[in-house]
C-alpha atoms as a PDB file:
ATOM      1  CA  MET A   1      17.603  11.621   3.501  1.00  0.00           C
ATOM      2  CA  PHE A   2      15.292  10.157   0.931  1.00  0.00           C
ATOM      3  CA  GLN A   3      15.467   7.937  -2.088  1.00  0.00           C
ATOM      4  CA  ILE A   4      12.944   7.884  -4.891  1.00  0.00           C
ATOM      5  CA  THR A   5      12.217   4.685  -6.803  1.00  0.00           C
ATOM      6  CA  THR A   6       9.659   4.446  -9.581  1.00  0.00           C
ATOM      7  CA  TYR A   7       7.349   1.443  -9.916  1.00  0.00           C
ATOM      8  CA  LYS A   8       4.778   0.618 -12.528  1.00  0.00           C
ATOM      9  CA  ILE A   9       1.619  -0.612 -10.813  1.00  0.00           C
ATOM     10  CA  PHE A  10      -1.406  -2.189 -12.401  1.00  0.00           C
ATOM     11  CA  THR A  11      -5.039  -1.713 -11.626  1.00  0.00           C
ATOM     12  CA  THR A  12      -8.160  -3.277 -13.075  1.00  0.00           C
ATOM     13  CA  THR A  13     -10.509  -1.882 -10.454  1.00  0.00           C
ATOM     14  CA  THR A  14     -12.194   0.640 -12.753  1.00  0.00           C
ATOM     15  CA  MET A  15     -13.396  -1.934 -15.317  1.00  0.00           C
ATOM     16  CA  GLN A  16     -10.580  -0.940 -17.662  1.00  0.00           C
ATOM     17  CA  VAL A  17      -7.020  -2.085 -17.361  1.00  0.00           C
ATOM     18  CA  SER A  18      -4.723   0.853 -16.791  1.00  0.00           C
ATOM     19  CA  GLN A  19      -1.098   1.263 -15.903  1.00  0.00           C
ATOM     20  CA  MET A  20       0.204   3.981 -13.649  1.00  0.00           C
ATOM     21  CA  ILE A  21       3.724   5.020 -12.807  1.00  0.00           C
ATOM     22  CA  LEU A  22       3.967   5.688  -9.091  1.00  0.00           C
ATOM     23  CA  THR A  23       6.780   6.816  -6.897  1.00  0.00           C
ATOM     24  CA  PHE A  24       8.073   5.107  -3.796  1.00  0.00           C
ATOM     25  CA  MET A  25       9.531   7.797  -1.581  1.00  0.00           C
ATOM     26  CA  GLU A  26      11.660   6.475   1.234  1.00  0.00           C
ATOM     27  CA  THR A  27      12.098   8.923   4.081  1.00  0.00           C
ATOM     28  CA  ASP A  28      13.672   8.390   7.474  1.00  0.00           C
ATOM     29  CA  ASP A  29      10.360   8.224   9.332  1.00  0.00           C
ATOM     30  CA  MET A  30       7.516   6.928   7.130  1.00  0.00           C
ATOM     31  CA  PRO A  31       8.126   5.175   3.804  1.00  0.00           C
ATOM     32  CA  GLU A  32       5.294   5.813   1.387  1.00  0.00           C
ATOM     33  CA  ILE A  33       4.864   3.054  -1.180  1.00  0.00           C
ATOM     34  CA  PHE A  34       2.368   4.760  -3.472  1.00  0.00           C
ATOM     35  CA  ARG A  35      -0.711   6.999  -3.722  1.00  0.00           C
ATOM     36  CA  ILE A  36      -3.610   6.285  -6.004  1.00  0.00           C
ATOM     37  CA  PHE A  37      -7.333   7.146  -6.104  1.00  0.00           C
ATOM     38  CA  GLY A  38      -6.998   9.258  -2.947  1.00  0.00           C
ATOM     39  CA  LEU A  39      -5.447   6.368  -0.988  1.00  0.00           C
ATOM     40  CA  ARG A  40      -1.963   6.532   0.501  1.00  0.00           C
ATOM     41  CA  PHE A  41      -0.137   3.213   1.055  1.00  0.00           C
ATOM     42  CA  PHE A  42       2.719   3.271   3.571  1.00  0.00           C
ATOM     43  CA  PHE A  43       4.385   1.629   6.545  1.00  0.00           C
ATOM     44  CA  TYR A  44       6.040   2.961   9.676  1.00  0.00           C
ATOM     45  CA  THR A  45       9.780   2.681  10.250  1.00  0.00           C
ATOM     46  CA  ASN A  46       9.187   0.785  13.498  1.00  0.00           C
ATOM     47  CA  ASP A  47       6.728  -1.690  11.934  1.00  0.00           C
ATOM     48  CA  HIS A  48       6.968  -5.385  12.688  1.00  0.00           C
ATOM     49  CA  LYS A  49       6.080  -8.702  11.123  1.00  0.00           C
ATOM     50  CA  PRO A  50       3.836 -10.035   9.751  1.00  0.00           C
ATOM     51  CA  VAL A  51       4.300  -7.984   6.594  1.00  0.00           C
ATOM     52  CA  HIS A  52       1.516  -5.430   6.421  1.00  0.00           C
ATOM     53  CA  VAL A  53       0.675  -2.080   4.906  1.00  0.00           C
ATOM     54  CA  HIS A  54      -1.207   0.927   6.224  1.00  0.00           C
ATOM     55  CA  VAL A  55      -3.672   2.735   3.989  1.00  0.00           C
ATOM     56  CA  GLU A  56      -4.958   6.216   4.644  1.00  0.00           C
ATOM     57  CA  ASN A  57      -7.436   8.560   3.003  1.00  0.00           C
ATOM     58  CA  ALA A  58      -9.334  11.698   4.034  1.00  0.00           C
ATOM     59  CA  ASP A  59     -11.856   9.585   5.986  1.00  0.00           C
ATOM     60  CA  GLY A  60      -9.563   7.349   8.044  1.00  0.00           C
ATOM     61  CA  GLU A  61      -6.974   4.587   8.050  1.00  0.00           C
ATOM     62  CA  ALA A  62      -6.733   0.805   7.696  1.00  0.00           C
ATOM     63  CA  LYS A  63      -4.133  -1.904   8.163  1.00  0.00           C
ATOM     64  CA  PHE A  64      -3.842  -4.985   5.927  1.00  0.00           C
ATOM     65  CA  ASN A  65      -1.665  -8.054   6.470  1.00  0.00           C
ATOM     66  CA  ILE A  66      -0.106  -9.399   3.286  1.00  0.00           C
ATOM     67  CA  GLY A  67       0.181 -13.168   3.134  1.00  0.00           C
ATOM     68  CA  ASP A  68       1.550 -15.392   0.393  1.00  0.00           C
ATOM     69  CA  LYS A  69      -1.850 -15.890  -1.216  1.00  0.00           C
ATOM     70  CA  HIS A  70      -4.211 -13.392   0.374  1.00  0.00           C
ATOM     71  CA  VAL A  71      -4.665  -9.929   1.822  1.00  0.00           C
ATOM     72  CA  GLU A  72      -6.368  -9.627   5.194  1.00  0.00           C
ATOM     73  CA  LEU A  73      -7.947  -6.532   6.709  1.00  0.00           C
ATOM     74  CA  VAL A  74      -6.657  -6.297  10.287  1.00  0.00           C
ATOM     75  CA  ASN A  75      -8.391  -3.126  11.473  1.00  0.00           C
ATOM     76  CA  TYR A  76      -9.744   0.194  10.286  1.00  0.00           C
ATOM     77  CA  TYR A  77     -11.447   3.347  11.412  1.00  0.00           C
ATOM     78  CA  GLY A  78     -13.370   5.917   9.425  1.00  0.00           C
ATOM     79  CA  MET A  79     -12.805   4.459   5.960  1.00  0.00           C
ATOM     80  CA  LYS A  80     -15.849   3.593   3.871  1.00  0.00           C
ATOM     81  CA  LYS A  81     -16.449  -0.017   2.808  1.00  0.00           C
ATOM     82  CA  LYS A  82     -15.941   0.858  -0.870  1.00  0.00           C
ATOM     83  CA  ASP A  83     -12.549   2.393  -0.069  1.00  0.00           C
ATOM     84  CA  LEU A  84     -11.558  -0.676   1.951  1.00  0.00           C
ATOM     85  CA  LYS A  85     -12.461  -2.926  -0.990  1.00  0.00           C
ATOM     86  CA  LEU A  86     -10.538  -0.692  -3.406  1.00  0.00           C
ATOM     87  CA  ALA A  87      -7.501  -0.677  -1.101  1.00  0.00           C
ATOM     88  CA  GLU A  88      -7.611  -4.462  -0.716  1.00  0.00           C
ATOM     89  CA  SER A  89      -7.823  -4.907  -4.477  1.00  0.00           C
ATOM     90  CA  LEU A  90      -4.899  -2.543  -5.116  1.00  0.00           C
ATOM     91  CA  ILE A  91      -2.799  -4.285  -2.469  1.00  0.00           C
ATOM     92  CA  ASP A  92      -3.556  -7.679  -3.987  1.00  0.00           C
ATOM     93  CA  GLU A  93      -2.742  -6.499  -7.520  1.00  0.00           C
ATOM     94  CA  ASN A  94       0.494  -4.815  -6.386  1.00  0.00           C
ATOM     95  CA  ARG A  95       1.620  -7.310  -3.769  1.00  0.00           C
ATOM     96  CA  LYS A  96       5.116  -7.599  -5.304  1.00  0.00           C
ATOM     97  CA  VAL A  97       5.715  -3.828  -5.181  1.00  0.00           C
ATOM     98  CA  ILE A  98       4.663  -3.719  -1.526  1.00  0.00           C
ATOM     99  CA  LEU A  99       6.662  -6.800  -0.514  1.00  0.00           C
ATOM    100  CA  ASP A 100       9.753  -5.533  -2.366  1.00  0.00           C
ATOM    101  CA  SER A 101       9.416  -2.162  -0.608  1.00  0.00           C
ATOM    102  CA  TRP A 102       9.073  -3.861   2.793  1.00  0.00           C
ATOM    103  CA  ILE A 103      12.092  -6.093   2.222  1.00  0.00           C
ATOM    104  CA  LYS A 104      14.190  -3.229   0.870  1.00  0.00           C
ATOM    105  CA  PHE A 105      13.405  -0.987   3.833  1.00  0.00           C
ATOM    106  CA  PHE A 106      13.625  -3.541   6.658  1.00  0.00           C
ATOM    107  CA  LYS A 107      16.601  -5.578   5.412  1.00  0.00           C
END
């Protein structure tokens, strides 16, 4: 079973403001929030609080906690520093989409 929800996310990380329509695909085992710039943002169905998101690319994976006012890198392996910074920026800019996805899935 899966449900597809479309979100408009915003990014200013490439010096120009751009809008992208991304798809949140909810599956039974691993909800993917969105993919952008080669990064996949998701959480596991058995995840726990605090609210966090996993980010994956071809080089590795990272985990970020999402607080009320900040994003915190918890751990990573393989990902380059520039990709970690990009991921952190995208998480911060799209915090509401991620939090809404978390709440919707784990309610």
